Amino acid sequence: ADETQTSNPCVLKHEDIYKMWYQGKSKEGLLSVCYAESKDGLDWKVHDKPVISQRVSGIPEFREGIQHPHVIFDTNKNRFVMWCVVYKNNKTTIGYCESVNGLIWTDIISTNLESLDLNHKYFYPFVLLENNSYRLWITERIGSKWMISTANSKDGIDWIKYEKNPIISIYKNKLIAIFFEVIAKLTKYSFDFSI
């Protein structure tokens, strides 16, 4: 399950135990969600099998499988809730599942955040529970452009994307900088601003 890679940890302290869900990569190249726990956050006991694994083809692609887990403890549902990236056939979907103990998870449900084409990908979901609804920050890649977007949801499955996405993008910031440079050159004024 995690013979060739361990990465992308998500850690919660729940009932005085540190719980970690992380991405593991098998010898065959399949990505899965693995689990470990610790009393002090330093010495970890690794669960012997992945807690979420989904075979998607005979010979997995480089990133194929379940990756980038993000887990919260939902006090309204009294259970753990996970969002993860399901990578299959070079497309990504944000998946959702629940668990009472953090080890045994429901089947992954696809959210409405899914790749529209091969040039569009979602990575690294990060979710907070606020005022009985969920707030998401997520990395999007469109072509070679990487950016951070945000969305809201009542149930964690159907997301409403912010109309002014992306909220952070190097390309967006470069356009702003170029705009101010042009104005400065034309008007001979200089501007101090932080990106």
Protein backbone atom coordinates (compact mmCIF):
# COMPACT_ATOMS: atom_id res chain seq x y z
CA ALA A 1 0.00 0.00 0.00
CA ASP A 2 2.74 2.47 0.88
CA GLU A 3 5.82 0.56 -0.29
CA THR A 4 7.16 3.27 -2.62
CA GLN A 5 5.70 6.54 -1.31
CA THR A 6 4.20 8.14 1.78
CA SER A 7 3.03 11.74 1.41
CA ASN A 8 0.26 14.34 1.87
CA PRO A 9 -0.55 13.76 5.55
CA CYS A 10 -3.70 15.03 7.25
CA VAL A 11 -3.55 14.92 11.07
CA LEU A 12 -6.30 15.33 13.67
CA LYS A 13 -6.06 15.05 17.43
CA HIS A 14 -9.23 13.27 18.50
CA GLU A 15 -9.89 12.00 22.03
CA ASP A 16 -6.19 12.49 22.92
CA ILE A 17 -4.99 10.38 19.96
CA TYR A 18 -3.23 11.82 16.91
CA LYS A 19 -4.79 10.30 13.82
CA MET A 20 -3.08 10.57 10.44
CA TRP A 21 -4.46 9.78 7.02
CA TYR A 22 -1.89 9.94 4.25
CA GLN A 23 -1.29 9.00 0.64
CA GLY A 24 0.55 5.74 0.02
CA LYS A 25 1.80 4.37 -3.27
CA SER A 26 2.14 0.64 -3.94
CA LYS A 27 4.82 -1.11 -5.99
CA GLU A 28 2.31 -1.30 -8.86
CA GLY A 29 1.85 2.48 -8.75
CA LEU A 30 -1.64 2.55 -7.22
CA LEU A 31 -2.37 5.40 -4.78
CA SER A 32 -4.40 4.69 -1.64
CA VAL A 33 -5.29 6.36 1.65
CA CYS A 34 -3.34 4.87 4.55
CA TYR A 35 -3.72 5.41 8.30
CA ALA A 36 -1.52 5.72 11.38
CA GLU A 37 -2.03 6.86 14.95
CA SER A 38 0.11 8.15 17.78
CA LYS A 39 -0.16 9.19 21.43
CA ASP A 40 2.44 11.95 21.11
CA GLY A 41 2.58 12.82 17.39
CA LEU A 42 6.10 11.38 17.15
CA ASP A 43 5.91 7.61 17.45
CA TRP A 44 3.34 6.27 14.99
CA LYS A 45 1.66 2.90 14.66
CA VAL A 46 0.86 2.33 10.98
CA HIS A 47 -2.31 0.41 10.12
CA ASP A 48 -1.37 -2.72 8.15
CA LYS A 49 -3.65 -2.08 5.13
CA PRO A 50 -4.91 1.03 3.32
CA VAL A 51 -8.19 2.33 4.72
CA ILE A 52 -9.35 3.42 1.26
CA SER A 53 -8.12 1.75 -1.90
CA GLN A 54 -9.77 1.52 -5.26
CA ARG A 55 -8.36 -0.44 -8.14
CA VAL A 56 -9.02 1.55 -11.26
CA SER A 57 -7.19 -0.42 -13.94
CA GLY A 58 -4.81 -3.32 -14.45
CA ILE A 59 -1.73 -1.12 -14.79
CA PRO A 60 -2.23 2.18 -12.93
CA GLU A 61 -1.09 5.45 -14.48
CA PHE A 62 1.47 7.56 -12.61
CA ARG A 63 -1.11 9.25 -10.30
CA GLU A 64 -3.99 6.80 -10.49
CA GLY A 65 -6.05 5.95 -7.40
CA ILE A 66 -7.14 7.80 -4.26
CA GLN A 67 -4.97 10.65 -3.09
CA HIS A 68 -4.71 13.92 -1.13
CA PRO A 69 -6.99 12.96 1.81
CA HIS A 70 -8.38 15.73 3.98
CA VAL A 71 -10.31 14.68 7.10
CA ILE A 72 -12.31 16.61 9.67
CA PHE A 73 -14.36 15.43 12.61
CA ASP A 74 -17.88 16.66 11.90
CA THR A 75 -19.46 17.38 15.28
CA ASN A 76 -22.93 17.66 13.70
CA LYS A 77 -22.70 14.12 12.30
CA ASN A 78 -20.50 12.81 15.13
CA ARG A 79 -18.19 11.13 12.63
CA PHE A 80 -15.10 11.65 10.51
CA VAL A 81 -15.63 13.08 7.04
CA MET A 82 -13.05 12.83 4.26
CA TRP A 83 -12.58 14.57 0.94
CA CYS A 84 -10.01 13.09 -1.41
CA VAL A 85 -8.93 13.20 -5.02
CA VAL A 86 -10.01 10.27 -7.17
CA TYR A 87 -7.62 10.11 -10.13
CA LYS A 88 -8.71 7.90 -12.99
CA ASN A 89 -8.08 7.97 -16.76
CA ASN A 90 -6.10 11.21 -16.36
CA LYS A 91 -9.13 13.02 -14.86
CA THR A 92 -9.80 14.02 -11.26
CA THR A 93 -12.91 14.10 -9.10
CA ILE A 94 -13.22 15.20 -5.50
CA GLY A 95 -14.63 12.27 -3.56
CA TYR A 96 -16.50 12.28 -0.24
CA CYS A 97 -16.90 9.57 2.41
CA GLU A 98 -17.65 9.16 6.12
CA SER A 99 -16.41 6.98 8.99
CA VAL A 100 -17.36 6.42 12.62
CA ASN A 101 -13.85 5.35 13.67
CA GLY A 102 -11.55 6.70 10.92
CA LEU A 103 -10.68 3.18 9.73
CA ILE A 104 -13.79 1.84 8.04
CA TRP A 105 -15.18 4.26 5.45
CA THR A 106 -18.35 4.41 3.41
CA ASP A 107 -18.05 4.08 -0.35
CA ILE A 108 -16.66 7.20 -1.99
CA ILE A 109 -19.34 9.49 -3.42
CA SER A 110 -18.34 11.76 -6.30
CA THR A 111 -18.97 15.44 -5.64
CA ASN A 112 -19.83 17.90 -8.39
CA LEU A 113 -16.16 18.96 -8.47
CA GLU A 114 -14.84 16.88 -11.35
CA SER A 115 -12.53 17.38 -14.31
CA LEU A 116 -14.32 18.67 -17.34
CA ASP A 117 -11.50 17.65 -19.67
CA LEU A 118 -7.95 16.29 -19.61
CA ASN A 119 -6.46 19.78 -19.14
CA HIS A 120 -8.43 20.45 -15.93
CA LYS A 121 -7.43 18.86 -12.60
CA TYR A 122 -8.32 19.25 -8.92
CA PHE A 123 -5.78 18.65 -6.13
CA TYR A 124 -5.34 19.08 -2.35
CA PRO A 125 -8.83 19.77 -0.94
CA PHE A 126 -8.89 21.57 2.42
CA VAL A 127 -12.25 21.87 4.20
CA LEU A 128 -13.51 23.62 7.34
CA LEU A 129 -16.88 23.22 9.03
CA GLU A 130 -18.30 26.69 9.72
CA ASN A 131 -21.83 27.59 10.83
CA ASN A 132 -23.23 24.17 9.85
CA SER A 133 -21.84 24.38 6.32
CA TYR A 134 -18.52 23.52 4.68
CA ARG A 135 -15.91 25.84 3.19
CA LEU A 136 -13.43 24.40 0.72
CA TRP A 137 -10.12 25.66 -0.62
CA ILE A 138 -8.70 23.64 -3.47
CA THR A 139 -5.87 23.67 -5.96
CA GLU A 140 -6.95 23.72 -9.60
CA ARG A 141 -4.74 23.21 -12.61
CA ILE A 142 -5.99 24.29 -16.00
CA GLY A 143 -3.38 23.52 -18.63
CA SER A 144 -0.11 24.76 -17.11
CA LYS A 145 -1.80 27.32 -14.82
CA TRP A 146 -2.03 26.47 -11.12
CA MET A 147 -4.42 28.38 -8.86
CA ILE A 148 -6.36 28.23 -5.60
CA SER A 149 -10.15 28.36 -5.70
CA THR A 150 -12.86 28.21 -3.06
CA ALA A 151 -16.42 26.88 -2.74
CA ASN A 152 -19.20 26.39 -0.17
CA SER A 153 -21.51 23.46 0.50
CA LYS A 154 -24.31 22.51 2.87
CA ASP A 155 -23.70 18.75 2.58
CA GLY A 156 -20.04 18.48 1.50
CA ILE A 157 -21.06 16.95 -1.84
CA ASP A 158 -22.75 19.68 -3.88
CA TRP A 159 -20.41 22.66 -4.03
CA ILE A 160 -21.13 26.23 -5.10
CA LYS A 161 -17.94 27.76 -6.49
CA TYR A 162 -17.13 31.37 -5.65
CA GLU A 163 -17.91 33.56 -8.66
CA LYS A 164 -14.57 35.41 -8.43
CA ASN A 165 -12.36 32.29 -8.50
CA PRO A 166 -9.45 31.89 -8.52
CA ILE A 167 -8.80 33.59 -5.18
CA ILE A 168 -5.02 33.20 -5.57
CA SER A 169 -3.22 32.83 -8.87
CA ILE A 170 0.24 33.86 -9.98
CA TYR A 171 -1.24 34.67 -13.40
CA LYS A 172 -3.95 36.87 -11.91
CA ASN A 173 -1.35 38.71 -9.81
CA LYS A 174 0.99 39.14 -12.79
CA LEU A 175 -1.81 40.78 -14.79
CA ILE A 176 -2.43 43.22 -11.92
CA ALA A 177 1.30 44.01 -11.71
CA ILE A 178 1.55 44.55 -15.48
CA PHE A 179 -1.50 46.86 -15.36
CA PHE A 180 0.09 49.06 -12.66
CA GLU A 181 3.45 49.09 -14.47
CA VAL A 182 1.79 50.32 -17.67
CA ILE A 183 -0.10 53.05 -15.76
CA ALA A 184 3.12 54.09 -14.01
CA LYS A 185 5.02 54.35 -17.28
CA LEU A 186 2.25 56.32 -18.96
CA THR A 187 1.69 58.72 -16.09
CA LYS A 188 5.21 58.78 -14.59
CA TYR A 189 3.74 57.75 -11.19
CA SER A 190 5.04 54.85 -9.21
CA PHE A 191 2.89 52.58 -7.11
CA ASP A 192 3.74 50.57 -4.04
CA PHE A 193 1.55 47.49 -3.68
CA SER A 194 1.98 43.99 -2.38
CA ILE A 195 0.97 40.87 -4.22
